PDB file of all heavy atoms in Angstrom:
ATOM      1  N   THR A   1      -2.195 -15.290  -0.987  1.00  0.00           N
ATOM      2  CA  THR A   1      -3.596 -15.405  -0.608  1.00  0.00           C
ATOM      3  C   THR A   1      -4.228 -14.022  -0.590  1.00  0.00           C
ATOM      4  O   THR A   1      -3.721 -13.111   0.084  1.00  0.00           O
ATOM      5  CB  THR A   1      -3.751 -16.043   0.782  1.00  0.00           C
ATOM      6  OG1 THR A   1      -3.127 -17.325   0.790  1.00  0.00           O
ATOM      7  CG2 THR A   1      -5.226 -16.203   1.130  1.00  0.00           C
ATOM      8  N   ILE A   2      -5.324 -13.875  -1.317  1.00  0.00           N
ATOM      9  CA  ILE A   2      -6.065 -12.626  -1.315  1.00  0.00           C
ATOM     10  C   ILE A   2      -7.260 -12.775  -0.376  1.00  0.00           C
ATOM     11  O   ILE A   2      -7.873 -13.843  -0.306  1.00  0.00           O
ATOM     12  CB  ILE A   2      -6.527 -12.240  -2.744  1.00  0.00           C
ATOM     13  CG1 ILE A   2      -7.126 -10.831  -2.757  1.00  0.00           C
ATOM     14  CG2 ILE A   2      -7.484 -13.264  -3.317  1.00  0.00           C
ATOM     15  CD1 ILE A   2      -7.391 -10.300  -4.167  1.00  0.00           C
ATOM     16  N   SER A   3      -7.553 -11.703   0.336  1.00  0.00           N
ATOM     17  CA  SER A   3      -8.699 -11.729   1.232  1.00  0.00           C
ATOM     18  C   SER A   3      -9.283 -10.328   1.317  1.00  0.00           C
ATOM     19  O   SER A   3      -8.643  -9.351   0.919  1.00  0.00           O
ATOM     20  CB  SER A   3      -8.299 -12.232   2.618  1.00  0.00           C
ATOM     21  OG  SER A   3      -7.330 -11.380   3.204  1.00  0.00           O
ATOM     22  N   ARG A   4     -10.489 -10.256   1.835  1.00  0.00           N
ATOM     23  CA  ARG A   4     -11.131  -8.960   1.972  1.00  0.00           C
ATOM     24  C   ARG A   4     -11.816  -8.873   3.333  1.00  0.00           C
ATOM     25  O   ARG A   4     -12.378  -9.857   3.798  1.00  0.00           O
ATOM     26  CB  ARG A   4     -12.117  -8.700   0.845  1.00  0.00           C
ATOM     27  CG  ARG A   4     -13.225  -9.712   0.699  1.00  0.00           C
ATOM     28  CD  ARG A   4     -13.934  -9.606  -0.645  1.00  0.00           C
ATOM     29  NE  ARG A   4     -14.701  -8.368  -0.759  1.00  0.00           N
ATOM     30  CZ  ARG A   4     -15.189  -7.907  -1.906  1.00  0.00           C
ATOM     31  NH1 ARG A   4     -14.974  -8.576  -3.027  1.00  0.00           N
ATOM     32  NH2 ARG A   4     -15.899  -6.787  -1.939  1.00  0.00           N
ATOM     33  N   ASP A   5     -11.752  -7.700   3.922  1.00  0.00           N
ATOM     34  CA  ASP A   5     -12.423  -7.430   5.181  1.00  0.00           C
ATOM     35  C   ASP A   5     -13.443  -6.339   4.894  1.00  0.00           C
ATOM     36  O   ASP A   5     -13.095  -5.150   4.836  1.00  0.00           O
ATOM     37  CB  ASP A   5     -11.419  -7.000   6.247  1.00  0.00           C
ATOM     38  CG  ASP A   5     -12.041  -6.854   7.624  1.00  0.00           C
ATOM     39  OD1 ASP A   5     -13.258  -6.548   7.700  1.00  0.00           O
ATOM     40  OD2 ASP A   5     -11.316  -7.029   8.606  1.00  0.00           O
ATOM     41  N   ASN A   6     -14.680  -6.738   4.707  1.00  0.00           N
ATOM     42  CA  ASN A   6     -15.711  -5.766   4.344  1.00  0.00           C
ATOM     43  C   ASN A   6     -15.921  -4.723   5.438  1.00  0.00           C
ATOM     44  O   ASN A   6     -16.226  -3.567   5.144  1.00  0.00           O
ATOM     45  CB  ASN A   6     -17.023  -6.484   4.036  1.00  0.00           C
ATOM     46  CG  ASN A   6     -16.951  -7.295   2.766  1.00  0.00           C
ATOM     47  OD1 ASN A   6     -16.091  -7.075   1.907  1.00  0.00           O
ATOM     48  ND2 ASN A   6     -17.829  -8.273   2.642  1.00  0.00           N
ATOM     49  N   ALA A   7     -15.755  -5.112   6.680  1.00  0.00           N
ATOM     50  CA  ALA A   7     -15.961  -4.173   7.783  1.00  0.00           C
ATOM     51  C   ALA A   7     -14.916  -3.062   7.783  1.00  0.00           C
ATOM     52  O   ALA A   7     -15.198  -1.934   8.195  1.00  0.00           O
ATOM     53  CB  ALA A   7     -15.946  -4.915   9.112  1.00  0.00           C
ATOM     54  N   LYS A   8     -13.717  -3.391   7.311  1.00  0.00           N
ATOM     55  CA  LYS A   8     -12.628  -2.403   7.285  1.00  0.00           C
ATOM     56  C   LYS A   8     -12.428  -1.806   5.891  1.00  0.00           C
ATOM     57  O   LYS A   8     -11.527  -0.987   5.706  1.00  0.00           O
ATOM     58  CB  LYS A   8     -11.323  -3.050   7.755  1.00  0.00           C
ATOM     59  CG  LYS A   8     -11.343  -3.480   9.209  1.00  0.00           C
ATOM     60  CD  LYS A   8      -9.996  -4.056   9.624  1.00  0.00           C
ATOM     61  CE  LYS A   8     -10.001  -4.447  11.092  1.00  0.00           C
ATOM     62  NZ  LYS A   8      -8.691  -5.015  11.524  1.00  0.00           N
ATOM     63  N   ASN A   9     -13.236  -2.241   4.936  1.00  0.00           N
ATOM     64  CA  ASN A   9     -13.088  -1.758   3.550  1.00  0.00           C
ATOM     65  C   ASN A   9     -11.654  -1.928   3.064  1.00  0.00           C
ATOM     66  O   ASN A   9     -11.058  -1.016   2.463  1.00  0.00           O
ATOM     67  CB  ASN A   9     -13.518  -0.292   3.431  1.00  0.00           C
ATOM     68  CG  ASN A   9     -14.991  -0.113   3.717  1.00  0.00           C
ATOM     69  OD1 ASN A   9     -15.793  -1.007   3.464  1.00  0.00           O
ATOM     70  ND2 ASN A   9     -15.347   1.028   4.264  1.00  0.00           N
ATOM     71  N   THR A  10     -11.112  -3.086   3.320  1.00  0.00           N
ATOM     72  CA  THR A  10      -9.707  -3.338   3.012  1.00  0.00           C
ATOM     73  C   THR A  10      -9.558  -4.702   2.346  1.00  0.00           C
ATOM     74  O   THR A  10     -10.238  -5.659   2.721  1.00  0.00           O
ATOM     75  CB  THR A  10      -8.846  -3.287   4.285  1.00  0.00           C
ATOM     76  OG1 THR A  10      -8.998  -2.000   4.903  1.00  0.00           O
ATOM     77  CG2 THR A  10      -7.372  -3.510   3.966  1.00  0.00           C
ATOM     78  N   VAL A  11      -8.670  -4.728   1.376  1.00  0.00           N
ATOM     79  CA  VAL A  11      -8.321  -5.973   0.706  1.00  0.00           C
ATOM     80  C   VAL A  11      -6.851  -6.249   0.978  1.00  0.00           C
ATOM     81  O   VAL A  11      -6.027  -5.319   0.963  1.00  0.00           O
ATOM     82  CB  VAL A  11      -8.580  -5.880  -0.807  1.00  0.00           C
ATOM     83  CG1 VAL A  11      -8.186  -7.167  -1.513  1.00  0.00           C
ATOM     84  CG2 VAL A  11     -10.044  -5.570  -1.062  1.00  0.00           C
ATOM     85  N   TYR A  12      -6.530  -7.502   1.204  1.00  0.00           N
ATOM     86  CA  TYR A  12      -5.158  -7.878   1.547  1.00  0.00           C
ATOM     87  C   TYR A  12      -4.585  -8.840   0.520  1.00  0.00           C
ATOM     88  O   TYR A  12      -5.321  -9.577  -0.144  1.00  0.00           O
ATOM     89  CB  TYR A  12      -5.124  -8.557   2.921  1.00  0.00           C
ATOM     90  CG  TYR A  12      -5.692  -7.726   4.039  1.00  0.00           C
ATOM     91  CD1 TYR A  12      -7.005  -7.914   4.473  1.00  0.00           C
ATOM     92  CD2 TYR A  12      -4.924  -6.750   4.665  1.00  0.00           C
ATOM     93  CE1 TYR A  12      -7.532  -7.155   5.506  1.00  0.00           C
ATOM     94  CE2 TYR A  12      -5.446  -5.980   5.698  1.00  0.00           C
ATOM     95  CZ  TYR A  12      -6.758  -6.189   6.107  1.00  0.00           C
ATOM     96  OH  TYR A  12      -7.274  -5.427   7.125  1.00  0.00           O
ATOM     97  N   LEU A  13      -3.282  -8.840   0.445  1.00  0.00           N
ATOM     98  CA  LEU A  13      -2.576  -9.861  -0.318  1.00  0.00           C
ATOM     99  C   LEU A  13      -1.436 -10.364   0.553  1.00  0.00           C
ATOM    100  O   LEU A  13      -0.457  -9.654   0.777  1.00  0.00           O
ATOM    101  CB  LEU A  13      -2.035  -9.303  -1.642  1.00  0.00           C
ATOM    102  CG  LEU A  13      -1.373 -10.344  -2.541  1.00  0.00           C
ATOM    103  CD1 LEU A  13      -2.421 -11.339  -3.073  1.00  0.00           C
ATOM    104  CD2 LEU A  13      -0.648  -9.684  -3.716  1.00  0.00           C
ATOM    105  N   GLN A  14      -1.602 -11.566   1.058  1.00  0.00           N
ATOM    106  CA  GLN A  14      -0.548 -12.214   1.829  1.00  0.00           C
ATOM    107  C   GLN A  14       0.378 -12.929   0.872  1.00  0.00           C
ATOM    108  O   GLN A  14      -0.067 -13.784   0.108  1.00  0.00           O
ATOM    109  CB  GLN A  14      -1.145 -13.199   2.835  1.00  0.00           C
ATOM    110  CG  GLN A  14      -0.110 -13.954   3.645  1.00  0.00           C
ATOM    111  CD  GLN A  14       0.666 -13.058   4.594  1.00  0.00           C
ATOM    112  OE1 GLN A  14       0.079 -12.206   5.263  1.00  0.00           O
ATOM    113  NE2 GLN A  14       1.974 -13.250   4.664  1.00  0.00           N
ATOM    114  N   MET A  15       1.639 -12.576   0.904  1.00  0.00           N
ATOM    115  CA  MET A  15       2.617 -13.146  -0.030  1.00  0.00           C
ATOM    116  C   MET A  15       3.665 -13.901   0.771  1.00  0.00           C
ATOM    117  O   MET A  15       4.390 -13.299   1.576  1.00  0.00           O
ATOM    118  CB  MET A  15       3.268 -12.039  -0.861  1.00  0.00           C
ATOM    119  CG  MET A  15       2.260 -11.150  -1.590  1.00  0.00           C
ATOM    120  SD  MET A  15       3.029  -9.966  -2.706  1.00  0.00           S
ATOM    121  CE  MET A  15       3.918  -8.942  -1.537  1.00  0.00           C
ATOM    122  N   ASN A  16       3.726 -15.190   0.564  1.00  0.00           N
ATOM    123  CA  ASN A  16       4.698 -16.048   1.235  1.00  0.00           C
ATOM    124  C   ASN A  16       5.668 -16.654   0.223  1.00  0.00           C
ATOM    125  O   ASN A  16       5.388 -16.670  -0.982  1.00  0.00           O
ATOM    126  CB  ASN A  16       3.981 -17.166   1.992  1.00  0.00           C
ATOM    127  CG  ASN A  16       3.057 -16.659   3.077  1.00  0.00           C
ATOM    128  OD1 ASN A  16       3.305 -15.626   3.700  1.00  0.00           O
ATOM    129  ND2 ASN A  16       1.970 -17.385   3.309  1.00  0.00           N
ATOM    130  N   SER A  17       6.770 -17.136   0.721  1.00  0.00           N
ATOM    131  CA  SER A  17       7.774 -17.786  -0.131  1.00  0.00           C
ATOM    132  C   SER A  17       8.112 -16.921  -1.340  1.00  0.00           C
ATOM    133  O   SER A  17       8.128 -17.387  -2.479  1.00  0.00           O
ATOM    134  CB  SER A  17       7.268 -19.159  -0.597  1.00  0.00           C
ATOM    135  OG  SER A  17       6.954 -19.981   0.501  1.00  0.00           O
ATOM    136  N   LEU A  18       8.384 -15.681  -1.074  1.00  0.00           N
ATOM    137  CA  LEU A  18       8.629 -14.735  -2.160  1.00  0.00           C
ATOM    138  C   LEU A  18       9.886 -15.095  -2.936  1.00  0.00           C
ATOM    139  O   LEU A  18      10.891 -15.573  -2.368  1.00  0.00           O
ATOM    140  CB  LEU A  18       8.734 -13.319  -1.610  1.00  0.00           C
ATOM    141  CG  LEU A  18       7.373 -12.679  -1.296  1.00  0.00           C
ATOM    142  CD1 LEU A  18       7.524 -11.515  -0.334  1.00  0.00           C
ATOM    143  CD2 LEU A  18       6.696 -12.231  -2.573  1.00  0.00           C
ATOM    144  N   LYS A  19       9.810 -14.846  -4.229  1.00  0.00           N
ATOM    145  CA  LYS A  19      10.908 -15.123  -5.140  1.00  0.00           C
ATOM    146  C   LYS A  19      11.365 -13.814  -5.782  1.00  0.00           C
ATOM    147  O   LYS A  19      10.579 -12.860  -5.876  1.00  0.00           O
ATOM    148  CB  LYS A  19      10.442 -16.089  -6.231  1.00  0.00           C
ATOM    149  CG  LYS A  19       9.860 -17.390  -5.732  1.00  0.00           C
ATOM    150  CD  LYS A  19       9.326 -18.226  -6.883  1.00  0.00           C
ATOM    151  CE  LYS A  19       8.722 -19.528  -6.394  1.00  0.00           C
ATOM    152  NZ  LYS A  19       8.198 -20.350  -7.531  1.00  0.00           N
ATOM    153  N   PRO A  20      12.601 -13.767  -6.266  1.00  0.00           N
ATOM    154  CA  PRO A  20      13.059 -12.551  -6.938  1.00  0.00           C
ATOM    155  C   PRO A  20      12.144 -12.136  -8.094  1.00  0.00           C
ATOM    156  O   PRO A  20      11.963 -10.935  -8.342  1.00  0.00           O
ATOM    157  CB  PRO A  20      14.454 -12.940  -7.430  1.00  0.00           C
ATOM    158  CG  PRO A  20      14.920 -13.947  -6.440  1.00  0.00           C
ATOM    159  CD  PRO A  20      13.694 -14.736  -6.075  1.00  0.00           C
ATOM    160  N   GLU A  21      11.552 -13.110  -8.765  1.00  0.00           N
ATOM    161  CA  GLU A  21      10.667 -12.778  -9.890  1.00  0.00           C
ATOM    162  C   GLU A  21       9.333 -12.188  -9.450  1.00  0.00           C
ATOM    163  O   GLU A  21       8.542 -11.752 -10.288  1.00  0.00           O
ATOM    164  CB  GLU A  21      10.425 -14.008 -10.774  1.00  0.00           C
ATOM    165  CG  GLU A  21       9.967 -15.244 -10.055  1.00  0.00           C
ATOM    166  CD  GLU A  21      11.115 -16.194  -9.719  1.00  0.00           C
ATOM    167  OE1 GLU A  21      12.196 -15.712  -9.300  1.00  0.00           O
ATOM    168  OE2 GLU A  21      10.902 -17.416  -9.868  1.00  0.00           O
ATOM    169  N   ASP A  22       9.062 -12.165  -8.145  1.00  0.00           N
ATOM    170  CA  ASP A  22       7.859 -11.493  -7.647  1.00  0.00           C
ATOM    171  C   ASP A  22       8.061  -9.989  -7.492  1.00  0.00           C
ATOM    172  O   ASP A  22       7.097  -9.257  -7.241  1.00  0.00           O
ATOM    173  CB  ASP A  22       7.456 -12.069  -6.286  1.00  0.00           C
ATOM    174  CG  ASP A  22       7.008 -13.515  -6.358  1.00  0.00           C
ATOM    175  OD1 ASP A  22       6.276 -13.868  -7.312  1.00  0.00           O
ATOM    176  OD2 ASP A  22       7.399 -14.303  -5.464  1.00  0.00           O
ATOM    177  N   ALA A  23       9.282  -9.531  -7.630  1.00  0.00           N
ATOM    178  CA  ALA A  23       9.559  -8.106  -7.472  1.00  0.00           C
ATOM    179  C   ALA A  23       8.834  -7.295  -8.540  1.00  0.00           C
ATOM    180  O   ALA A  23       8.906  -7.618  -9.736  1.00  0.00           O
ATOM    181  CB  ALA A  23      11.066  -7.859  -7.551  1.00  0.00           C
ATOM    182  N   ALA A  24       8.140  -6.272  -8.103  1.00  0.00           N
ATOM    183  CA  ALA A  24       7.339  -5.452  -9.021  1.00  0.00           C
ATOM    184  C   ALA A  24       6.656  -4.352  -8.212  1.00  0.00           C
ATOM    185  O   ALA A  24       6.728  -4.344  -6.973  1.00  0.00           O
ATOM    186  CB  ALA A  24       6.281  -6.299  -9.719  1.00  0.00           C
ATOM    187  N   VAL A  25       6.003  -3.466  -8.924  1.00  0.00           N
ATOM    188  CA  VAL A  25       5.064  -2.552  -8.270  1.00  0.00           C
ATOM    189  C   VAL A  25       3.711  -3.243  -8.260  1.00  0.00           C
ATOM    190  O   VAL A  25       3.241  -3.715  -9.309  1.00  0.00           O
ATOM    191  CB  VAL A  25       4.977  -1.198  -9.001  1.00  0.00           C
ATOM    192  CG1 VAL A  25       3.958  -0.299  -8.318  1.00  0.00           C
ATOM    193  CG2 VAL A  25       6.340  -0.525  -9.040  1.00  0.00           C
ATOM    194  N   TYR A  26       3.114  -3.324  -7.096  1.00  0.00           N
ATOM    195  CA  TYR A  26       1.828  -3.999  -6.944  1.00  0.00           C
ATOM    196  C   TYR A  26       0.724  -2.946  -6.829  1.00  0.00           C
ATOM    197  O   TYR A  26       0.830  -1.999  -6.042  1.00  0.00           O
ATOM    198  CB  TYR A  26       1.855  -4.886  -5.700  1.00  0.00           C
ATOM    199  CG  TYR A  26       2.594  -6.180  -5.920  1.00  0.00           C
ATOM    200  CD1 TYR A  26       3.984  -6.198  -6.077  1.00  0.00           C
ATOM    201  CD2 TYR A  26       1.916  -7.399  -6.005  1.00  0.00           C
ATOM    202  CE1 TYR A  26       4.668  -7.378  -6.306  1.00  0.00           C
ATOM    203  CE2 TYR A  26       2.598  -8.584  -6.226  1.00  0.00           C
ATOM    204  CZ  TYR A  26       3.963  -8.567  -6.383  1.00  0.00           C
ATOM    205  OH  TYR A  26       4.638  -9.748  -6.616  1.00  0.00           O
ATOM    206  N   TYR A  27      -0.308  -3.172  -7.622  1.00  0.00           N
ATOM    207  CA  TYR A  27      -1.419  -2.242  -7.691  1.00  0.00           C
ATOM    208  C   TYR A  27      -2.711  -2.912  -7.239  1.00  0.00           C
ATOM    209  O   TYR A  27      -3.007  -4.038  -7.640  1.00  0.00           O
ATOM    210  CB  TYR A  27      -1.619  -1.739  -9.116  1.00  0.00           C
ATOM    211  CG  TYR A  27      -0.468  -0.952  -9.680  1.00  0.00           C
ATOM    212  CD1 TYR A  27       0.544  -1.584 -10.385  1.00  0.00           C
ATOM    213  CD2 TYR A  27      -0.394   0.427  -9.512  1.00  0.00           C
ATOM    214  CE1 TYR A  27       1.606  -0.860 -10.909  1.00  0.00           C
ATOM    215  CE2 TYR A  27       0.659   1.164 -10.037  1.00  0.00           C
ATOM    216  CZ  TYR A  27       1.652   0.504 -10.736  1.00  0.00           C
ATOM    217  OH  TYR A  27       2.704   1.226 -11.254  1.00  0.00           O
ATOM    218  N   CYS A  28      -3.483  -2.188  -6.482  1.00  0.00           N
ATOM    219  CA  CYS A  28      -4.814  -2.628  -6.091  1.00  0.00           C
ATOM    220  C   CYS A  28      -5.808  -2.134  -7.146  1.00  0.00           C
ATOM    221  O   CYS A  28      -5.653  -1.020  -7.687  1.00  0.00           O
ATOM    222  CB  CYS A  28      -5.156  -2.054  -4.723  1.00  0.00           C
ATOM    223  SG  CYS A  28      -6.760  -2.546  -4.084  1.00  0.00           S
ATOM    224  N   ASN A  29      -6.796  -2.949  -7.420  1.00  0.00           N
ATOM    225  CA  ASN A  29      -7.789  -2.607  -8.440  1.00  0.00           C
ATOM    226  C   ASN A  29      -9.183  -2.939  -7.935  1.00  0.00           C
ATOM    227  O   ASN A  29      -9.396  -3.966  -7.286  1.00  0.00           O
ATOM    228  CB  ASN A  29      -7.496  -3.403  -9.721  1.00  0.00           C
ATOM    229  CG  ASN A  29      -8.591  -3.290 -10.745  1.00  0.00           C
ATOM    230  OD1 ASN A  29      -9.529  -4.105 -10.757  1.00  0.00           O
ATOM    231  ND2 ASN A  29      -8.505  -2.297 -11.597  1.00  0.00           N
ATOM    232  N   GLY A  30     -10.107  -2.050  -8.264  1.00  0.00           N
ATOM    233  CA  GLY A  30     -11.497  -2.317  -7.941  1.00  0.00           C
ATOM    234  C   GLY A  30     -12.372  -2.006  -9.146  1.00  0.00           C
ATOM    235  O   GLY A  30     -12.192  -0.965  -9.794  1.00  0.00           O
ATOM    236  N   TYR A  31     -13.263  -2.932  -9.463  1.00  0.00           N
ATOM    237  CA  TYR A  31     -14.158  -2.736 -10.608  1.00  0.00           C
ATOM    238  C   TYR A  31     -15.536  -2.441 -10.059  1.00  0.00           C
ATOM    239  O   TYR A  31     -16.153  -3.286  -9.404  1.00  0.00           O
ATOM    240  CB  TYR A  31     -14.173  -3.993 -11.475  1.00  0.00           C
ATOM    241  CG  TYR A  31     -14.992  -3.839 -12.736  1.00  0.00           C
ATOM    242  CD1 TYR A  31     -14.527  -3.051 -13.782  1.00  0.00           C
ATOM    243  CD2 TYR A  31     -16.223  -4.465 -12.871  1.00  0.00           C
ATOM    244  CE1 TYR A  31     -15.271  -2.907 -14.936  1.00  0.00           C
ATOM    245  CE2 TYR A  31     -16.971  -4.317 -14.015  1.00  0.00           C
ATOM    246  CZ  TYR A  31     -16.492  -3.538 -15.054  1.00  0.00           C
ATOM    247  OH  TYR A  31     -17.238  -3.390 -16.199  1.00  0.00           O
ATOM    248  N   PHE A  32     -16.016  -1.217 -10.318  1.00  0.00           N
ATOM    249  CA  PHE A  32     -17.256  -0.745  -9.714  1.00  0.00           C
ATOM    250  C   PHE A  32     -18.020   0.091 -10.716  1.00  0.00           C
ATOM    251  O   PHE A  32     -17.446   1.029 -11.290  1.00  0.00           O
ATOM    252  CB  PHE A  32     -16.937   0.064  -8.450  1.00  0.00           C
ATOM    253  CG  PHE A  32     -18.130   0.640  -7.762  1.00  0.00           C
ATOM    254  CD1 PHE A  32     -19.065  -0.197  -7.178  1.00  0.00           C
ATOM    255  CD2 PHE A  32     -18.306   2.010  -7.681  1.00  0.00           C
ATOM    256  CE1 PHE A  32     -20.162   0.329  -6.520  1.00  0.00           C
ATOM    257  CE2 PHE A  32     -19.395   2.542  -7.033  1.00  0.00           C
ATOM    258  CZ  PHE A  32     -20.325   1.706  -6.452  1.00  0.00           C
ATOM    259  N   LEU A  33     -19.254  -0.264 -10.934  1.00  0.00           N
ATOM    260  CA  LEU A  33     -20.120   0.468 -11.869  1.00  0.00           C
ATOM    261  C   LEU A  33     -19.426   0.693 -13.212  1.00  0.00           C
ATOM    262  O   LEU A  33     -19.330   1.816 -13.733  1.00  0.00           O
ATOM    263  CB  LEU A  33     -20.547   1.818 -11.268  1.00  0.00           C
ATOM    264  CG  LEU A  33     -21.455   1.748 -10.044  1.00  0.00           C
ATOM    265  CD1 LEU A  33     -21.812   3.137  -9.548  1.00  0.00           C
ATOM    266  CD2 LEU A  33     -22.711   0.941 -10.345  1.00  0.00           C
ATOM    267  N   ASN A  34     -18.914  -0.417 -13.753  1.00  0.00           N
ATOM    268  CA  ASN A  34     -18.302  -0.422 -15.087  1.00  0.00           C
ATOM    269  C   ASN A  34     -17.062   0.459 -15.198  1.00  0.00           C
ATOM    270  O   ASN A  34     -16.693   0.883 -16.313  1.00  0.00           O
ATOM    271  CB  ASN A  34     -19.316   0.002 -16.154  1.00  0.00           C
ATOM    272  CG  ASN A  34     -20.490  -0.948 -16.236  1.00  0.00           C
ATOM    273  OD1 ASN A  34     -20.307  -2.166 -16.164  1.00  0.00           O
ATOM    274  ND2 ASN A  34     -21.681  -0.414 -16.354  1.00  0.00           N
ATOM    275  N   THR A  35     -16.418   0.723 -14.090  1.00  0.00           N
ATOM    276  CA  THR A  35     -15.197   1.532 -14.094  1.00  0.00           C
ATOM    277  C   THR A  35     -14.109   0.818 -13.306  1.00  0.00           C
ATOM    278  O   THR A  35     -14.375   0.293 -12.229  1.00  0.00           O
ATOM    279  CB  THR A  35     -15.459   2.919 -13.479  1.00  0.00           C
ATOM    280  OG1 THR A  35     -16.480   3.576 -14.227  1.00  0.00           O
ATOM    281  CG2 THR A  35     -14.196   3.766 -13.501  1.00  0.00           C
ATOM    282  N   ASN A  36     -12.901   0.819 -13.858  1.00  0.00           N
ATOM    283  CA  ASN A  36     -11.746   0.274 -13.159  1.00  0.00           C
ATOM    284  C   ASN A  36     -11.062   1.373 -12.360  1.00  0.00           C
ATOM    285  O   ASN A  36     -10.731   2.426 -12.908  1.00  0.00           O
ATOM    286  CB  ASN A  36     -10.735  -0.298 -14.157  1.00  0.00           C
ATOM    287  CG  ASN A  36     -10.874  -1.786 -14.333  1.00  0.00           C
ATOM    288  OD1 ASN A  36     -11.034  -2.521 -13.362  1.00  0.00           O
ATOM    289  ND2 ASN A  36     -10.814  -2.241 -15.563  1.00  0.00           N
ATOM    290  N   TYR A  37     -10.852   1.125 -11.096  1.00  0.00           N
ATOM    291  CA  TYR A  37     -10.151   2.074 -10.233  1.00  0.00           C
ATOM    292  C   TYR A  37      -8.829   1.452  -9.802  1.00  0.00           C
ATOM    293  O   TYR A  37      -8.758   0.258  -9.510  1.00  0.00           O
ATOM    294  CB  TYR A  37     -11.000   2.423  -9.006  1.00  0.00           C
ATOM    295  CG  TYR A  37     -12.251   3.181  -9.337  1.00  0.00           C
ATOM    296  CD1 TYR A  37     -13.462   2.524  -9.543  1.00  0.00           C
ATOM    297  CD2 TYR A  37     -12.228   4.566  -9.467  1.00  0.00           C
ATOM    298  CE1 TYR A  37     -14.613   3.220  -9.856  1.00  0.00           C
ATOM    299  CE2 TYR A  37     -13.383   5.271  -9.780  1.00  0.00           C
ATOM    300  CZ  TYR A  37     -14.568   4.591  -9.978  1.00  0.00           C
ATOM    301  OH  TYR A  37     -15.705   5.289 -10.293  1.00  0.00           O
ATOM    302  N   TRP A  38      -7.782   2.303  -9.738  1.00  0.00           N
ATOM    303  CA  TRP A  38      -6.440   1.842  -9.406  1.00  0.00           C
ATOM    304  C   TRP A  38      -5.858   2.653  -8.260  1.00  0.00           C
ATOM    305  O   TRP A  38      -6.096   3.857  -8.152  1.00  0.00           O
ATOM    306  CB  TRP A  38      -5.513   1.984 -10.616  1.00  0.00           C
ATOM    307  CG  TRP A  38      -5.902   1.127 -11.780  1.00  0.00           C
ATOM    308  CD1 TRP A  38      -6.695   1.474 -12.837  1.00  0.00           C
ATOM    309  CD2 TRP A  38      -5.508  -0.233 -12.002  1.00  0.00           C
ATOM    310  NE1 TRP A  38      -6.815   0.415 -13.695  1.00  0.00           N
ATOM    311  CE2 TRP A  38      -6.097  -0.643 -13.214  1.00  0.00           C
ATOM    312  CE3 TRP A  38      -4.715  -1.142 -11.291  1.00  0.00           C
ATOM    313  CZ2 TRP A  38      -5.926  -1.921 -13.746  1.00  0.00           C
ATOM    314  CZ3 TRP A  38      -4.544  -2.408 -11.823  1.00  0.00           C
ATOM    315  CH2 TRP A  38      -5.136  -2.791 -13.032  1.00  0.00           C
TER     316      TRP A  38
END
C-alpha cells in the first residue's frame, strides 16, 4: 500500500506478506516540473 502524508512531506510504502521475489533495492521517485527525481 502506497500512501502520502502531505503535512510531513513523506511518502510511504507498506509492504505485507513479503516474498523472496520482493527482494530488491527500492527507490523513491518524484515527478516534478517535467523532471524525474530519485
